[in-house]
Amino acid sequence: MKFRIRCAGKALLVVVAIGVLGWVVMTLWNWVIPALFVGASAIDFAHALGLLVLSRILFGGFRGHGGWRERRRWHKWEAMTPEEREHFQAAWRSGRNRREGD
């Protein structure tokens, strides 16, 4: 029962967040763009959501910060022995120091 309530709460939070972000995009567009560009018109909520999705596809992606790559690196780090970690850190430091000297 708690699982269903938690999932419903998260789904509601996602819907509210999408609505708020759409409203923010619509408000900013209607405030800035018509004032800057002659002939630009105001947009409605549906167009603001479309613009939000388009900007996420073009500029941000949908995986957040790092996504599966970060988890894969963390799993690799967790699987290393302490000696392998020391060797990796030493190699990383020497590569970083070499680049700073250039």
N, C-alpha and C. Protein backbone atom coordinates (compact mmCIF):
# COMPACT_ATOMS: atom_id res chain seq x y z
N MET A 1 0.81 -1.19 0.00
CA MET A 1 0.00 0.00 0.00
C MET A 1 0.86 1.26 0.00
N LYS A 2 1.93 1.28 0.81
CA LYS A 2 2.81 2.43 0.85
C LYS A 2 3.49 2.65 -0.49
N PHE A 3 3.80 1.55 -1.18
CA PHE A 3 4.44 1.66 -2.49
C PHE A 3 3.54 2.39 -3.47
N ARG A 4 2.25 2.04 -3.47
CA ARG A 4 1.30 2.69 -4.39
C ARG A 4 1.14 4.17 -4.06
N ILE A 5 1.08 4.48 -2.79
CA ILE A 5 0.94 5.88 -2.39
C ILE A 5 2.19 6.66 -2.78
N ARG A 6 3.35 6.05 -2.57
CA ARG A 6 4.60 6.71 -2.94
C ARG A 6 4.68 6.93 -4.45
N CYS A 7 4.30 5.92 -5.23
CA CYS A 7 4.31 6.07 -6.70
C CYS A 7 3.32 7.12 -7.15
N ALA A 8 2.14 7.14 -6.55
CA ALA A 8 1.15 8.14 -6.92
C ALA A 8 1.64 9.54 -6.55
N GLY A 9 2.29 9.66 -5.40
CA GLY A 9 2.84 10.96 -4.99
C GLY A 9 3.92 11.43 -5.94
N LYS A 10 4.80 10.52 -6.36
CA LYS A 10 5.85 10.89 -7.31
C LYS A 10 5.27 11.27 -8.65
N ALA A 11 4.26 10.53 -9.10
CA ALA A 11 3.61 10.85 -10.38
C ALA A 11 2.95 12.22 -10.31
N LEU A 12 2.29 12.50 -9.20
CA LEU A 12 1.66 13.81 -9.02
C LEU A 12 2.71 14.92 -9.00
N LEU A 13 3.83 14.67 -8.33
CA LEU A 13 4.91 15.64 -8.29
C LEU A 13 5.47 15.91 -9.68
N VAL A 14 5.63 14.87 -10.48
CA VAL A 14 6.13 15.04 -11.86
C VAL A 14 5.15 15.86 -12.68
N VAL A 15 3.86 15.57 -12.55
CA VAL A 15 2.84 16.32 -13.32
C VAL A 15 2.83 17.79 -12.90
N VAL A 16 2.91 18.04 -11.60
CA VAL A 16 2.93 19.43 -11.12
C VAL A 16 4.20 20.14 -11.60
N ALA A 17 5.35 19.45 -11.54
CA ALA A 17 6.61 20.05 -11.97
C ALA A 17 6.57 20.38 -13.46
N ILE A 18 6.03 19.49 -14.27
CA ILE A 18 5.91 19.76 -15.71
C ILE A 18 5.00 20.96 -15.94
N GLY A 19 3.90 21.02 -15.21
CA GLY A 19 2.99 22.16 -15.35
C GLY A 19 3.64 23.47 -14.96
N VAL A 20 4.37 23.47 -13.86
CA VAL A 20 5.04 24.70 -13.41
C VAL A 20 6.12 25.11 -14.40
N LEU A 21 6.92 24.15 -14.86
CA LEU A 21 7.96 24.49 -15.84
C LEU A 21 7.36 25.01 -17.14
N GLY A 22 6.27 24.40 -17.58
CA GLY A 22 5.59 24.90 -18.78
C GLY A 22 5.09 26.31 -18.59
N TRP A 23 4.52 26.59 -17.43
CA TRP A 23 4.04 27.93 -17.15
C TRP A 23 5.18 28.94 -17.11
N VAL A 24 6.32 28.55 -16.52
CA VAL A 24 7.48 29.43 -16.46
C VAL A 24 8.00 29.73 -17.86
N VAL A 25 8.11 28.70 -18.70
CA VAL A 25 8.57 28.90 -20.08
C VAL A 25 7.61 29.82 -20.83
N MET A 26 6.31 29.58 -20.69
CA MET A 26 5.31 30.41 -21.38
C MET A 26 5.40 31.86 -20.91
N THR A 27 5.52 32.07 -19.60
CA THR A 27 5.58 33.43 -19.07
C THR A 27 6.84 34.15 -19.54
N LEU A 28 7.98 33.47 -19.46
CA LEU A 28 9.22 34.10 -19.91
C LEU A 28 9.21 34.39 -21.41
N TRP A 29 8.70 33.46 -22.19
CA TRP A 29 8.62 33.68 -23.64
C TRP A 29 7.75 34.90 -23.93
N ASN A 30 6.57 34.93 -23.34
CA ASN A 30 5.64 36.02 -23.62
C ASN A 30 6.12 37.36 -23.08
N TRP A 31 7.02 37.36 -22.12
CA TRP A 31 7.55 38.59 -21.57
C TRP A 31 8.75 39.09 -22.38
N VAL A 32 9.63 38.16 -22.81
CA VAL A 32 10.89 38.56 -23.43
C VAL A 32 10.82 38.61 -24.96
N ILE A 33 10.39 37.55 -25.57
CA ILE A 33 10.51 37.41 -27.03
C ILE A 33 9.71 38.46 -27.81
N PRO A 34 8.43 38.70 -27.52
CA PRO A 34 7.73 39.75 -28.29
C PRO A 34 8.34 41.13 -28.11
N ALA A 35 8.97 41.38 -26.97
CA ALA A 35 9.60 42.68 -26.76
C ALA A 35 10.90 42.81 -27.54
N LEU A 36 11.59 41.70 -27.77
CA LEU A 36 12.88 41.75 -28.47
C LEU A 36 12.75 41.68 -29.98
N PHE A 37 11.83 40.86 -30.46
CA PHE A 37 11.72 40.61 -31.89
C PHE A 37 10.38 41.11 -32.42
N VAL A 38 10.45 41.99 -33.41
CA VAL A 38 9.24 42.51 -34.03
C VAL A 38 8.56 41.37 -34.79
N GLY A 39 7.29 41.22 -34.60
CA GLY A 39 6.53 40.19 -35.29
C GLY A 39 6.43 38.88 -34.54
N ALA A 40 7.16 38.71 -33.45
CA ALA A 40 7.05 37.50 -32.64
C ALA A 40 5.77 37.57 -31.83
N SER A 41 5.08 36.46 -31.75
CA SER A 41 3.81 36.46 -31.04
C SER A 41 3.93 35.68 -29.73
N ALA A 42 2.95 35.87 -28.89
CA ALA A 42 2.90 35.15 -27.62
C ALA A 42 2.52 33.70 -27.89
N ILE A 43 2.89 32.82 -26.97
CA ILE A 43 2.58 31.40 -27.12
C ILE A 43 1.64 30.97 -26.00
N ASP A 44 0.95 29.87 -26.24
CA ASP A 44 0.07 29.34 -25.21
C ASP A 44 0.78 28.22 -24.44
N PHE A 45 0.08 27.62 -23.50
CA PHE A 45 0.68 26.63 -22.61
C PHE A 45 1.17 25.40 -23.37
N ALA A 46 0.42 24.93 -24.34
CA ALA A 46 0.82 23.74 -25.10
C ALA A 46 2.11 24.00 -25.88
N HIS A 47 2.22 25.17 -26.48
CA HIS A 47 3.45 25.51 -27.19
C HIS A 47 4.63 25.65 -26.23
N ALA A 48 4.37 26.17 -25.04
CA ALA A 48 5.43 26.28 -24.04
C ALA A 48 5.95 24.90 -23.63
N LEU A 49 5.04 23.93 -23.46
CA LEU A 49 5.47 22.57 -23.15
C LEU A 49 6.27 21.97 -24.30
N GLY A 50 5.83 22.22 -25.52
CA GLY A 50 6.58 21.75 -26.68
C GLY A 50 7.97 22.37 -26.76
N LEU A 51 8.05 23.65 -26.45
CA LEU A 51 9.35 24.33 -26.43
C LEU A 51 10.25 23.78 -25.34
N LEU A 52 9.67 23.47 -24.19
CA LEU A 52 10.42 22.88 -23.09
C LEU A 52 10.98 21.52 -23.47
N VAL A 53 10.17 20.68 -24.08
CA VAL A 53 10.62 19.35 -24.51
C VAL A 53 11.70 19.49 -25.59
N LEU A 54 11.49 20.38 -26.53
CA LEU A 54 12.48 20.58 -27.59
C LEU A 54 13.82 21.05 -27.02
N SER A 55 13.79 21.96 -26.06
CA SER A 55 15.04 22.45 -25.48
C SER A 55 15.74 21.35 -24.69
N ARG A 56 14.99 20.49 -24.01
CA ARG A 56 15.60 19.37 -23.28
C ARG A 56 16.23 18.38 -24.25
N ILE A 57 15.59 18.13 -25.38
CA ILE A 57 16.15 17.21 -26.37
C ILE A 57 17.42 17.80 -26.96
N LEU A 58 17.38 19.06 -27.33
CA LEU A 58 18.52 19.67 -28.01
C LEU A 58 19.69 19.97 -27.08
N PHE A 59 19.41 20.41 -25.87
CA PHE A 59 20.48 20.91 -25.02
C PHE A 59 20.74 20.09 -23.77
N GLY A 60 19.74 19.43 -23.22
CA GLY A 60 19.94 18.81 -21.93
C GLY A 60 19.84 17.31 -21.90
N GLY A 61 19.15 16.71 -22.85
CA GLY A 61 18.92 15.29 -22.75
C GLY A 61 17.91 15.00 -21.65
N PHE A 62 17.69 13.72 -21.38
CA PHE A 62 16.72 13.34 -20.37
C PHE A 62 17.33 12.50 -19.27
N ARG A 63 18.65 12.41 -19.19
CA ARG A 63 19.27 11.52 -18.22
C ARG A 63 19.77 12.25 -16.97
N GLY A 64 19.63 13.52 -16.90
CA GLY A 64 20.11 14.22 -15.71
C GLY A 64 21.61 14.40 -15.74
N HIS A 65 22.24 14.40 -14.58
CA HIS A 65 23.67 14.65 -14.47
C HIS A 65 24.42 13.34 -14.48
N GLY A 66 24.94 12.97 -15.61
CA GLY A 66 25.77 11.77 -15.71
C GLY A 66 25.03 10.55 -16.19
N GLY A 67 23.86 10.30 -15.67
CA GLY A 67 23.07 9.16 -16.09
C GLY A 67 23.75 7.84 -15.84
N TRP A 68 23.60 6.92 -16.77
CA TRP A 68 24.14 5.57 -16.60
C TRP A 68 25.65 5.55 -16.62
N ARG A 69 26.28 6.52 -17.26
CA ARG A 69 27.74 6.54 -17.31
C ARG A 69 28.34 6.72 -15.92
N GLU A 70 27.77 7.62 -15.13
CA GLU A 70 28.27 7.84 -13.78
C GLU A 70 28.11 6.60 -12.92
N ARG A 71 26.97 5.94 -13.04
CA ARG A 71 26.77 4.72 -12.26
C ARG A 71 27.75 3.64 -12.69
N ARG A 72 28.03 3.54 -13.99
CA ARG A 72 28.98 2.54 -14.47
C ARG A 72 30.37 2.82 -13.91
N ARG A 73 30.78 4.09 -13.90
CA ARG A 73 32.08 4.43 -13.33
C ARG A 73 32.14 4.11 -11.85
N TRP A 74 31.05 4.38 -11.15
CA TRP A 74 31.03 4.10 -9.72
C TRP A 74 31.13 2.59 -9.49
N HIS A 75 30.43 1.79 -10.28
CA HIS A 75 30.51 0.33 -10.12
C HIS A 75 31.93 -0.17 -10.42
N LYS A 76 32.57 0.43 -11.42
CA LYS A 76 33.96 0.04 -11.71
C LYS A 76 34.85 0.39 -10.52
N TRP A 77 34.66 1.58 -9.95
CA TRP A 77 35.47 2.00 -8.81
C TRP A 77 35.24 1.06 -7.62
N GLU A 78 34.00 0.69 -7.38
CA GLU A 78 33.69 -0.20 -6.27
C GLU A 78 34.29 -1.59 -6.48
N ALA A 79 34.44 -2.01 -7.73
CA ALA A 79 34.97 -3.34 -8.02
C ALA A 79 36.50 -3.39 -7.94
N MET A 80 37.15 -2.23 -7.90
CA MET A 80 38.62 -2.20 -7.86
C MET A 80 39.14 -2.60 -6.48
N THR A 81 40.31 -3.21 -6.49
CA THR A 81 41.01 -3.48 -5.25
C THR A 81 41.69 -2.19 -4.78
N PRO A 82 42.09 -2.10 -3.52
CA PRO A 82 42.78 -0.88 -3.06
C PRO A 82 44.05 -0.59 -3.86
N GLU A 83 44.76 -1.62 -4.30
CA GLU A 83 45.96 -1.39 -5.11
C GLU A 83 45.60 -0.80 -6.46
N GLU A 84 44.52 -1.32 -7.06
CA GLU A 84 44.08 -0.78 -8.36
C GLU A 84 43.63 0.68 -8.22
N ARG A 85 42.98 1.00 -7.12
CA ARG A 85 42.55 2.38 -6.89
C ARG A 85 43.75 3.31 -6.76
N GLU A 86 44.75 2.88 -6.00
CA GLU A 86 45.96 3.70 -5.86
C GLU A 86 46.65 3.91 -7.20
N HIS A 87 46.74 2.86 -8.00
CA HIS A 87 47.36 2.96 -9.32
C HIS A 87 46.57 3.92 -10.21
N PHE A 88 45.25 3.80 -10.17
CA PHE A 88 44.40 4.69 -10.96
C PHE A 88 44.56 6.14 -10.53
N GLN A 89 44.55 6.38 -9.22
CA GLN A 89 44.69 7.75 -8.72
C GLN A 89 46.04 8.35 -9.09
N ALA A 90 47.09 7.53 -9.01
CA ALA A 90 48.43 8.02 -9.36
C ALA A 90 48.49 8.37 -10.85
N ALA A 91 47.92 7.52 -11.69
CA ALA A 91 47.91 7.79 -13.13
C ALA A 91 47.08 9.03 -13.43
N TRP A 92 45.96 9.19 -12.75
CA TRP A 92 45.11 10.35 -12.98
C TRP A 92 45.81 11.63 -12.56
N ARG A 93 46.47 11.60 -11.41
CA ARG A 93 47.19 12.79 -10.94
C ARG A 93 48.33 13.15 -11.88
N SER A 94 49.07 12.17 -12.36
CA SER A 94 50.19 12.48 -13.25
C SER A 94 49.68 13.05 -14.57
N GLY A 95 48.57 12.56 -15.08
CA GLY A 95 48.00 13.12 -16.30
C GLY A 95 47.49 14.53 -16.11
N ARG A 96 46.91 14.81 -14.95
CA ARG A 96 46.41 16.15 -14.65
C ARG A 96 47.57 17.12 -14.48
N ASN A 97 48.62 16.70 -13.80
CA ASN A 97 49.78 17.58 -13.61
C ASN A 97 50.47 17.88 -14.93
N ARG A 98 50.51 16.91 -15.80
CA ARG A 98 51.16 17.11 -17.10
C ARG A 98 50.38 18.14 -17.93
N ARG A 99 49.05 18.11 -17.85
CA ARG A 99 48.25 19.05 -18.63
C ARG A 99 48.35 20.46 -18.06
N GLU A 100 48.49 20.59 -16.75
CA GLU A 100 48.60 21.92 -16.14
C GLU A 100 49.91 22.59 -16.54
N GLY A 101 50.96 21.81 -16.81
CA GLY A 101 52.24 22.39 -17.17
C GLY A 101 52.27 22.91 -18.60
N ASP A 102 51.34 22.48 -19.45
CA ASP A 102 51.32 22.92 -20.85
C ASP A 102 50.86 24.34 -21.02
